[in-house]
Protein backbone atom coordinates (compact mmCIF):
# COMPACT_ATOMS: atom_id res chain seq x y z
CA MET A 1 0.23 0.02 0.17
CA ARG A 2 1.34 2.98 -0.68
CA PRO A 3 1.98 5.62 1.95
CA GLU A 4 -0.50 9.42 1.14
CA GLN A 5 1.48 12.41 1.84
CA THR A 6 0.24 15.75 2.19
CA VAL A 7 3.63 18.23 1.60
CA GLU A 8 2.83 21.64 3.76
CA VAL A 9 5.74 24.86 2.37
CA ARG A 10 5.43 28.11 3.93
CA ALA A 11 6.37 31.29 2.63
CA HIS A 12 10.69 31.47 3.01
CA ARG A 13 13.40 32.47 0.85
CA HIS A 14 16.46 29.48 1.23
CA ALA A 15 19.55 30.81 1.49
CA ARG A 16 23.28 29.33 1.89
CA ASN A 17 26.39 32.03 2.85
CA GLY A 18 24.04 35.74 2.04
CA ARG A 19 22.86 34.14 -1.29
CA VAL A 20 19.03 33.40 -1.50
CA LEU A 21 18.75 30.19 -3.89
CA VAL A 22 15.14 30.10 -4.56
CA ALA A 23 12.46 31.87 -3.16
CA VAL A 24 9.03 30.55 -2.90
CA PRO A 25 5.58 31.28 -2.05
CA GLU A 26 3.00 28.67 0.69
CA VAL A 27 1.72 26.16 -0.75
CA VAL A 28 0.39 22.49 0.19
CA PHE A 29 1.17 19.79 -2.03
CA GLY A 30 -1.68 16.25 -1.39
CA PRO A 31 -2.10 13.28 -2.49
CA SER A 32 -2.91 11.70 -6.22
CA THR A 33 -1.76 15.60 -8.04
CA LEU A 34 0.81 16.36 -10.64
CA THR A 35 2.44 19.40 -9.88
CA ALA A 36 4.90 20.90 -12.24
CA VAL A 37 7.53 23.41 -10.80
CA THR A 38 8.70 25.73 -14.20
CA GLY A 39 10.79 29.06 -14.01
CA ALA A 40 13.90 30.07 -15.82
CA SER A 41 17.21 28.40 -15.50
CA GLY A 42 19.00 29.03 -12.32
CA VAL A 43 15.73 30.06 -9.86
CA GLY A 44 16.22 27.54 -7.92
CA LYS A 45 13.54 24.87 -9.47
CA SER A 46 16.15 21.92 -8.03
CA THR A 47 16.31 23.21 -4.52
CA PHE A 48 13.51 23.05 -4.16
CA LEU A 49 12.60 19.77 -4.74
CA ARG A 50 15.62 18.96 -2.36
CA LEU A 51 14.39 20.80 0.43
CA VAL A 52 10.48 19.57 -0.09
CA GLY A 53 12.33 15.67 0.22
CA GLY A 54 15.03 16.49 2.67
CA VAL A 55 17.87 15.46 0.88
CA GLU A 56 19.08 19.22 1.09
CA ARG A 57 17.72 20.55 4.69
CA PRO A 58 16.25 22.98 5.16
CA VAL A 59 15.08 25.31 8.12
CA PRO A 60 12.62 24.50 10.35
CA ARG A 61 9.23 25.56 10.01
CA VAL A 62 9.02 25.62 6.65
CA VAL A 63 8.08 22.13 5.34
CA LEU A 64 6.22 20.25 7.18
CA VAL A 65 5.15 16.42 5.45
CA ASP A 66 2.01 14.63 7.50
CA GLY A 67 3.23 17.58 9.93
CA ASN A 68 6.35 15.74 10.98
CA ASP A 69 8.57 19.73 10.68
CA LEU A 70 12.04 18.27 7.84
CA GLY A 71 14.12 20.91 10.07
CA LEU A 72 13.61 19.42 13.52
CA LEU A 73 13.92 16.29 12.92
CA SER A 74 17.37 14.61 13.77
CA ASP A 75 19.22 13.14 11.03
CA ARG A 76 18.66 9.87 11.36
CA ARG A 77 14.96 10.80 11.17
CA LEU A 78 15.67 12.45 8.02
CA ARG A 79 17.51 9.84 6.28
CA ARG A 80 14.96 7.26 7.05
CA PHE A 81 12.30 9.85 5.93
CA ARG A 82 14.20 9.80 2.49
CA ARG A 83 14.96 6.73 2.44
CA ASP A 84 10.70 5.37 3.29
CA ARG A 85 8.60 8.07 1.93
CA VAL A 86 10.50 9.72 -1.18
CA GLY A 87 11.25 8.67 -4.36
CA PHE A 88 13.32 11.33 -5.39
CA MET A 89 14.89 11.54 -8.85
CA SER A 90 18.09 14.53 -9.72
CA GLN A 91 18.34 15.25 -13.39
CA ASP A 92 21.79 12.84 -13.66
CA ALA A 93 19.49 10.54 -12.55
CA GLY A 94 21.53 9.32 -9.33
CA LEU A 95 22.80 5.82 -10.54
CA VAL A 96 25.52 4.20 -9.55
CA PRO A 97 27.79 4.21 -13.24
CA SER A 98 29.82 1.35 -12.77
CA TRP A 99 26.53 -0.61 -12.11
CA SER A 100 24.40 -2.77 -13.87
CA VAL A 101 20.52 -0.15 -14.58
CA ARG A 102 19.94 -4.10 -12.75
CA GLN A 103 21.95 -3.63 -9.79
CA ASN A 104 20.97 -0.43 -9.31
CA LEU A 105 17.36 -1.47 -9.55
CA ALA A 106 18.07 -3.72 -7.43
CA LEU A 107 19.74 -1.50 -4.62
CA ALA A 108 16.41 0.07 -4.97
CA GLN A 109 13.79 -2.58 -3.97
CA ARG A 110 16.34 -3.09 -1.64
CA ALA A 111 15.97 0.21 0.20
CA THR A 112 12.10 -0.44 0.55
CA PRO A 113 11.10 -1.08 3.57
CA ASP A 114 7.75 -3.00 3.33
CA ARG A 115 9.31 -5.46 0.54
CA PRO A 116 11.44 -8.82 0.97
CA VAL A 117 14.57 -8.89 -0.53
CA SER A 118 14.39 -11.30 -2.57
CA ARG A 119 11.86 -10.64 -4.75
CA PRO A 120 12.81 -9.87 -8.10
CA ALA A 121 13.41 -6.46 -8.72
CA PRO A 122 12.37 -4.37 -10.99
CA PRO A 123 8.97 -5.09 -12.08
CA LEU A 124 9.24 -6.79 -15.44
CA GLN A 125 5.41 -4.36 -16.83
CA ALA A 126 7.52 -1.25 -15.48
CA CYS A 127 11.12 -1.96 -17.96
CA ALA A 128 9.52 -2.28 -20.36
CA SER A 129 7.11 0.10 -20.64
CA LEU A 130 9.73 2.62 -20.01
CA GLY A 131 12.41 0.32 -23.22
CA ILE A 132 14.27 -0.35 -21.06
CA ASP A 133 13.96 -4.71 -20.77
CA ALA A 134 16.65 -5.36 -22.77
CA LEU A 135 19.37 -3.07 -21.45
CA MET A 136 19.37 -5.26 -16.98
CA ASP A 137 22.51 -6.14 -17.93
CA THR A 138 24.10 -2.70 -19.34
CA PRO A 139 26.09 -0.87 -17.27
CA VAL A 140 24.85 2.53 -16.25
CA HIS A 141 27.67 4.73 -17.98
CA ALA A 142 27.33 2.49 -21.03
CA LEU A 143 23.72 4.30 -21.27
CA SER A 144 22.59 7.32 -23.48
CA GLY A 145 21.58 10.42 -21.69
CA GLY A 146 18.17 9.33 -22.22
CA GLU A 147 18.08 6.17 -20.91
CA ARG A 148 20.09 7.02 -17.97
CA GLN A 149 16.53 9.06 -16.98
CA ARG A 150 14.51 6.46 -17.71
CA VAL A 151 16.54 3.71 -16.01
CA GLY A 152 15.76 6.69 -12.57
CA LEU A 153 11.59 6.73 -13.45
CA ALA A 154 11.93 2.88 -13.42
CA ARG A 155 13.93 3.19 -9.87
CA VAL A 156 10.78 5.31 -7.98
CA LEU A 157 8.19 2.74 -9.32
CA VAL A 158 10.13 0.16 -8.28
CA ARG A 159 10.15 1.64 -4.92
CA ARG A 160 7.03 3.47 -4.69
CA PRO A 161 7.18 5.95 -2.37
CA GLY A 162 4.03 8.35 -1.30
CA LEU A 163 6.57 11.06 -2.48
CA VAL A 164 7.30 11.73 -5.76
CA LEU A 165 10.28 14.35 -6.89
CA LEU A 166 11.69 14.43 -10.18
CA ASP A 167 14.44 17.10 -11.95
CA GLU A 168 13.55 17.55 -15.37
CA PRO A 169 12.32 14.02 -16.59
CA THR A 170 12.04 13.83 -19.81
CA ALA A 171 14.94 16.84 -20.67
CA ALA A 172 16.79 14.24 -22.70
CA LEU A 173 13.76 12.33 -24.66
CA ASP A 174 12.24 12.15 -27.38
CA ALA A 175 9.07 12.63 -27.52
CA GLY A 176 7.44 8.60 -28.88
CA THR A 177 9.46 8.03 -24.60
CA THR A 178 8.32 11.42 -23.41
CA ALA A 179 4.35 10.35 -23.49
CA VAL A 180 5.23 7.46 -21.70
CA VAL A 181 7.33 8.99 -19.26
CA ILE A 182 3.96 11.20 -18.70
CA GLU A 183 1.98 8.29 -18.69
CA THR A 184 4.11 6.44 -16.28
CA ILE A 185 3.78 9.64 -13.71
CA ASP A 186 0.01 9.78 -14.52
CA VAL A 187 0.34 6.45 -12.86
CA LEU A 188 2.03 7.86 -9.85
CA ARG A 189 -1.42 10.44 -9.57
CA SER A 190 -3.94 7.63 -9.94
CA GLU A 191 -1.87 5.10 -7.09
CA GLY A 192 -1.66 8.06 -5.41
CA ALA A 193 0.89 9.76 -4.95
CA THR A 194 1.89 13.26 -4.33
CA VAL A 195 3.82 13.81 -7.33
CA ILE A 196 6.34 17.47 -8.03
CA VAL A 197 8.47 17.63 -11.36
CA ALA A 198 10.49 20.39 -12.01
CA THR A 199 10.47 20.83 -15.68
CA HIS A 200 11.05 22.48 -18.89
CA ASP A 201 8.87 20.64 -21.29
CA GLY A 202 5.08 22.03 -21.81
CA ASP A 203 4.18 18.55 -22.90
CA VAL A 204 4.48 17.47 -18.87
CA VAL A 205 3.20 20.96 -17.96
CA ARG A 206 0.00 20.58 -20.04
CA ALA A 207 -0.63 16.91 -18.52
CA ALA A 208 -0.30 18.42 -14.94
CA ASP A 209 -3.58 19.55 -12.29
CA ARG A 210 -1.61 22.59 -11.70
CA THR A 211 1.46 25.10 -11.85
CA LEU A 212 3.63 25.97 -9.51
CA SER A 213 5.64 29.49 -10.74
CA LEU A 214 8.96 30.24 -9.22
CA ASP A 215 10.08 33.61 -11.65
CA GLY A 216 10.02 37.05 -9.84
CA THR A 217 7.46 38.17 -12.51
CA ALA A 218 4.04 35.82 -11.48
CA PRO A 219 4.95 33.49 -8.53
CA GLY A 220 2.66 31.25 -7.38
CA LEU A 221 -0.34 27.76 -8.48
CA HIS A 222 -1.88 28.60 -11.69
CA PHE A 223 -4.95 26.27 -12.79
CA PRO A 224 -5.49 24.87 -16.47
CA GLN A 225 -7.90 26.77 -17.58
CA GLU A 226 -11.65 25.36 -17.20
CA GLY A 227 -14.27 25.22 -20.67
């Protein structure tokens, strides 16, 4: 059973060494939603995802997941939160280059607390739908950029987290594979996941329930027009 996650982000200007990395408005992300995070390069989309997922520690009272303040968690509890509840895919897909696709996906599955280690990894349907079933024994360093992106998404599918954070998941993909990835993201949403995607891709934006713009000219949430 996928755990449902509600994420509350309070208005904050996140800075490091006196430099503001991202400024976000107050926003709540609920289960079974897809939010596209948009904005020019350098506006802080990746940093925003890292804060929401606890990859980068937020200051207290800024990011709350199901009422738990990530800024107040101990290092151990924050690691457990990331392991058990978050599926995070960075722009480089976060894979181990010297390992095969199969090994990378098996590692992700072992990190899932409600699945036995002996269970085969990954689900063949997920690999086939993303077109990586023929790449299982290929080392990651030998893959193209688009193939790495698909393996990174498959790794999220294996873990089935309640909170899914994807950083430019379609950046290196052709139109056909982009459509498959969007369909896969929609499955995650329909199964109850809270999905947040940083993107420049208009197709992803159109598939989203809403858009969170981080641009200074028109920051905040925007909803697609009805009718």
